[in-house]
Amino acid sequence: MIDYILNIKDLNKDYKSFSLKNINLQIPKGTVMGFIGANGAGKTTTIKLIMQLIKKDSGQTENRASFFRPILQATWNALQTTSPLSKTEK
């Protein structure tokens, strides 16, 4: 049996202008993975859902590695400091 550090099944989140639908993802232990996609594709929303920073509408997320959350937290922190949306106009 494969040991997954992250297992996402049928993850969904709806907003008024955006929907993340039926996301399925399995990351086996020991795998290196990148998370890329076009602007507005749902990368940040997916990370927020995995970290439980926002509530999912439906689906399952299983995080089986204690080191995974700090990695996502570091990624989230980096997004906040480099994203044009994180800058406030003066």
N, C-alpha and C. Protein backbone atom coordinates (compact mmCIF):
# COMPACT_ATOMS: atom_id res chain seq x y z
N MET A 1 0.84 -1.18 0.00
CA MET A 1 0.00 0.00 0.00
C MET A 1 0.89 1.25 0.00
N ILE A 2 0.52 2.23 -0.80
CA ILE A 2 1.29 3.47 -0.90
C ILE A 2 0.94 4.39 0.27
N ASP A 3 1.96 4.98 0.87
CA ASP A 3 1.77 5.93 1.96
C ASP A 3 1.76 7.34 1.37
N TYR A 4 0.64 8.03 1.48
CA TYR A 4 0.50 9.38 0.93
C TYR A 4 0.69 10.42 2.03
N ILE A 5 1.46 11.48 1.71
CA ILE A 5 1.57 12.58 2.67
C ILE A 5 0.39 13.54 2.51
N LEU A 6 -0.25 13.50 1.34
CA LEU A 6 -1.44 14.31 1.12
C LEU A 6 -2.37 13.53 0.21
N ASN A 7 -3.63 13.48 0.59
CA ASN A 7 -4.64 12.79 -0.19
C ASN A 7 -5.88 13.68 -0.23
N ILE A 8 -6.19 14.19 -1.40
CA ILE A 8 -7.36 15.06 -1.59
C ILE A 8 -8.33 14.35 -2.51
N LYS A 9 -9.60 14.32 -2.12
CA LYS A 9 -10.61 13.65 -2.93
C LYS A 9 -11.85 14.54 -3.07
N ASP A 10 -12.20 14.86 -4.31
CA ASP A 10 -13.42 15.60 -4.65
C ASP A 10 -13.57 16.89 -3.84
N LEU A 11 -12.51 17.65 -3.74
CA LEU A 11 -12.51 18.90 -2.98
C LEU A 11 -13.22 20.00 -3.77
N ASN A 12 -14.12 20.71 -3.11
CA ASN A 12 -14.91 21.77 -3.75
C ASN A 12 -15.00 23.00 -2.87
N LYS A 13 -14.93 24.16 -3.53
CA LYS A 13 -15.13 25.44 -2.85
C LYS A 13 -15.77 26.40 -3.86
N ASP A 14 -16.89 26.99 -3.48
CA ASP A 14 -17.60 27.93 -4.35
C ASP A 14 -17.58 29.33 -3.78
N TYR A 15 -17.27 30.27 -4.65
CA TYR A 15 -17.40 31.70 -4.37
C TYR A 15 -18.37 32.27 -5.40
N LYS A 16 -18.75 33.51 -5.24
CA LYS A 16 -19.67 34.13 -6.21
C LYS A 16 -19.09 34.14 -7.62
N SER A 17 -17.81 34.42 -7.75
CA SER A 17 -17.21 34.57 -9.08
C SER A 17 -16.21 33.47 -9.43
N PHE A 18 -16.06 32.46 -8.58
CA PHE A 18 -15.05 31.43 -8.80
C PHE A 18 -15.46 30.13 -8.12
N SER A 19 -15.22 29.03 -8.79
CA SER A 19 -15.49 27.71 -8.21
C SER A 19 -14.30 26.80 -8.41
N LEU A 20 -13.93 26.13 -7.36
CA LEU A 20 -12.91 25.09 -7.39
C LEU A 20 -13.69 23.78 -7.30
N LYS A 21 -13.62 22.96 -8.33
CA LYS A 21 -14.50 21.79 -8.39
C LYS A 21 -13.74 20.48 -8.55
N ASN A 22 -14.12 19.53 -7.74
CA ASN A 22 -13.67 18.14 -7.85
C ASN A 22 -12.16 17.99 -7.99
N ILE A 23 -11.42 18.60 -7.06
CA ILE A 23 -9.96 18.47 -7.06
C ILE A 23 -9.59 17.14 -6.42
N ASN A 24 -8.77 16.37 -7.13
CA ASN A 24 -8.26 15.09 -6.64
C ASN A 24 -6.74 15.12 -6.77
N LEU A 25 -6.05 14.80 -5.69
CA LEU A 25 -4.59 14.86 -5.68
C LEU A 25 -4.06 13.89 -4.64
N GLN A 26 -3.08 13.11 -5.03
CA GLN A 26 -2.40 12.21 -4.10
C GLN A 26 -0.91 12.42 -4.25
N ILE A 27 -0.23 12.68 -3.14
CA ILE A 27 1.22 12.85 -3.16
C ILE A 27 1.84 11.76 -2.29
N PRO A 28 2.54 10.81 -2.93
CA PRO A 28 3.18 9.74 -2.17
C PRO A 28 4.35 10.27 -1.33
N LYS A 29 4.58 9.65 -0.20
CA LYS A 29 5.70 9.99 0.66
C LYS A 29 7.00 9.91 -0.14
N GLY A 30 7.86 10.92 0.02
CA GLY A 30 9.14 10.96 -0.67
C GLY A 30 9.10 11.64 -2.03
N THR A 31 7.93 12.13 -2.44
CA THR A 31 7.77 12.77 -3.74
C THR A 31 8.02 14.27 -3.63
N VAL A 32 8.68 14.82 -4.63
CA VAL A 32 8.84 16.26 -4.75
C VAL A 32 7.82 16.73 -5.79
N MET A 33 7.10 17.80 -5.46
CA MET A 33 6.01 18.22 -6.32
C MET A 33 6.00 19.73 -6.45
N GLY A 34 5.64 20.23 -7.61
CA GLY A 34 5.43 21.65 -7.83
C GLY A 34 3.96 21.91 -8.06
N PHE A 35 3.51 23.09 -7.72
CA PHE A 35 2.09 23.44 -7.87
C PHE A 35 2.02 24.66 -8.76
N ILE A 36 1.77 24.44 -10.06
CA ILE A 36 1.79 25.54 -11.01
C ILE A 36 0.45 25.64 -11.73
N GLY A 37 0.19 26.80 -12.26
CA GLY A 37 -1.03 27.01 -13.03
C GLY A 37 -1.22 28.47 -13.34
N ALA A 38 -2.15 28.75 -14.21
CA ALA A 38 -2.44 30.12 -14.61
C ALA A 38 -2.99 30.93 -13.44
N ASN A 39 -2.87 32.25 -13.54
CA ASN A 39 -3.48 33.12 -12.54
C ASN A 39 -4.98 32.83 -12.48
N GLY A 40 -5.49 32.70 -11.27
CA GLY A 40 -6.92 32.45 -11.09
C GLY A 40 -7.32 30.99 -11.22
N ALA A 41 -6.35 30.10 -11.33
CA ALA A 41 -6.65 28.67 -11.51
C ALA A 41 -7.08 27.99 -10.21
N GLY A 42 -6.77 28.59 -9.06
CA GLY A 42 -7.18 28.01 -7.79
C GLY A 42 -6.04 27.47 -6.94
N LYS A 43 -4.81 27.80 -7.28
CA LYS A 43 -3.66 27.31 -6.50
C LYS A 43 -3.72 27.80 -5.05
N THR A 44 -3.89 29.10 -4.87
CA THR A 44 -3.92 29.67 -3.52
C THR A 44 -5.13 29.16 -2.74
N THR A 45 -6.27 29.07 -3.39
CA THR A 45 -7.46 28.54 -2.73
C THR A 45 -7.22 27.11 -2.28
N THR A 46 -6.60 26.30 -3.12
CA THR A 46 -6.31 24.90 -2.75
C THR A 46 -5.37 24.84 -1.55
N ILE A 47 -4.32 25.67 -1.55
CA ILE A 47 -3.40 25.70 -0.42
C ILE A 47 -4.13 26.12 0.85
N LYS A 48 -4.97 27.13 0.76
CA LYS A 48 -5.75 27.57 1.94
C LYS A 48 -6.65 26.45 2.44
N LEU A 49 -7.25 25.70 1.54
CA LEU A 49 -8.12 24.58 1.95
C LEU A 49 -7.32 23.48 2.63
N ILE A 50 -6.15 23.16 2.09
CA ILE A 50 -5.30 22.13 2.70
C ILE A 50 -4.87 22.55 4.10
N MET A 51 -4.56 23.84 4.26
CA MET A 51 -4.10 24.36 5.55
C MET A 51 -5.25 24.66 6.50
N GLN A 52 -6.47 24.48 6.02
CA GLN A 52 -7.69 24.76 6.79
C GLN A 52 -7.78 26.23 7.19
N LEU A 53 -7.29 27.11 6.32
CA LEU A 53 -7.44 28.55 6.53
C LEU A 53 -8.82 29.02 6.07
N ILE A 54 -9.43 28.26 5.17
CA ILE A 54 -10.80 28.50 4.74
C ILE A 54 -11.55 27.18 4.80
N LYS A 55 -12.86 27.25 4.89
CA LYS A 55 -13.68 26.05 5.02
C LYS A 55 -14.05 25.51 3.64
N LYS A 56 -13.87 24.22 3.46
CA LYS A 56 -14.26 23.58 2.20
C LYS A 56 -15.78 23.43 2.16
N ASP A 57 -16.33 23.41 0.95
CA ASP A 57 -17.76 23.16 0.80
C ASP A 57 -18.06 21.66 0.82
N SER A 58 -17.15 20.88 0.24
CA SER A 58 -17.28 19.42 0.27
C SER A 58 -15.95 18.79 -0.13
N GLY A 59 -15.86 17.49 0.09
CA GLY A 59 -14.64 16.75 -0.25
C GLY A 59 -13.86 16.35 0.98
N GLN A 60 -12.75 15.67 0.73
CA GLN A 60 -11.92 15.16 1.82
C GLN A 60 -10.48 15.58 1.61
N THR A 61 -9.81 15.96 2.69
CA THR A 61 -8.38 16.20 2.67
C THR A 61 -7.76 15.44 3.83
N GLU A 62 -6.75 14.65 3.53
CA GLU A 62 -6.02 13.91 4.56
C GLU A 62 -4.56 14.31 4.47
N ASN A 63 -4.04 14.82 5.56
CA ASN A 63 -2.64 15.22 5.66
C ASN A 63 -1.98 14.25 6.61
N ARG A 64 -1.10 13.42 6.10
CA ARG A 64 -0.50 12.36 6.92
C ARG A 64 0.95 12.60 7.30
N ALA A 65 1.48 13.78 7.05
CA ALA A 65 2.87 14.04 7.40
C ALA A 65 2.95 15.29 8.26
N SER A 66 3.59 15.18 9.40
CA SER A 66 3.67 16.32 10.32
C SER A 66 4.50 17.46 9.75
N PHE A 67 5.37 17.17 8.78
CA PHE A 67 6.20 18.23 8.20
C PHE A 67 5.48 18.98 7.08
N PHE A 68 4.34 18.49 6.61
CA PHE A 68 3.69 19.09 5.46
C PHE A 68 3.12 20.48 5.75
N ARG A 69 2.51 20.67 6.90
CA ARG A 69 1.92 21.97 7.22
C ARG A 69 2.97 23.09 7.28
N PRO A 70 4.14 22.89 7.90
CA PRO A 70 5.14 23.97 7.87
C PRO A 70 5.60 24.33 6.45
N ILE A 71 5.67 23.34 5.57
CA ILE A 71 6.04 23.62 4.18
C ILE A 71 4.98 24.48 3.52
N LEU A 72 3.72 24.12 3.72
CA LEU A 72 2.63 24.93 3.15
C LEU A 72 2.60 26.32 3.78
N GLN A 73 2.87 26.40 5.08
CA GLN A 73 2.88 27.70 5.75
C GLN A 73 3.98 28.59 5.17
N ALA A 74 5.16 28.02 4.92
CA ALA A 74 6.25 28.79 4.32
C ALA A 74 5.88 29.24 2.91
N THR A 75 5.22 28.37 2.16
CA THR A 75 4.76 28.73 0.80
C THR A 75 3.75 29.85 0.88
N TRP A 76 2.81 29.74 1.80
CA TRP A 76 1.79 30.77 1.97
C TRP A 76 2.43 32.11 2.35
N ASN A 77 3.37 32.08 3.27
CA ASN A 77 4.06 33.31 3.68
C ASN A 77 4.79 33.94 2.51
N ALA A 78 5.43 33.12 1.68
CA ALA A 78 6.13 33.63 0.50
C ALA A 78 5.16 34.25 -0.48
N LEU A 79 4.00 33.63 -0.67
CA LEU A 79 2.99 34.20 -1.56
C LEU A 79 2.51 35.55 -1.07
N GLN A 80 2.38 35.69 0.23
CA GLN A 80 1.89 36.94 0.79
C GLN A 80 2.88 38.08 0.62
N THR A 81 4.17 37.77 0.62
CA THR A 81 5.18 38.83 0.50
C THR A 81 5.55 39.14 -0.93
N THR A 82 5.25 38.23 -1.87
CA THR A 82 5.62 38.46 -3.27
C THR A 82 4.45 38.78 -4.17
N SER A 83 3.24 38.54 -3.73
CA SER A 83 2.07 38.77 -4.57
C SER A 83 1.76 40.25 -4.68
N PRO A 84 1.45 40.73 -5.90
CA PRO A 84 1.04 42.13 -6.05
C PRO A 84 -0.20 42.45 -5.22
N LEU A 85 -1.02 41.44 -4.97
CA LEU A 85 -2.24 41.65 -4.18
C LEU A 85 -1.93 41.86 -2.70
N SER A 86 -0.73 41.45 -2.26
CA SER A 86 -0.36 41.61 -0.84
C SER A 86 0.17 43.01 -0.54
N LYS A 87 0.47 43.76 -1.57
CA LYS A 87 0.99 45.11 -1.39
C LYS A 87 -0.17 46.08 -1.21
N THR A 88 -0.02 46.99 -0.28
CA THR A 88 -1.04 48.02 -0.10
C THR A 88 -0.55 49.31 -0.69
N GLU A 89 -1.44 49.99 -1.40
CA GLU A 89 -1.05 51.28 -1.99
C GLU A 89 -1.05 52.36 -0.93
N LYS A 90 -0.07 53.26 -1.03
CA LYS A 90 0.06 54.34 -0.04
C LYS A 90 -0.37 55.64 -0.64
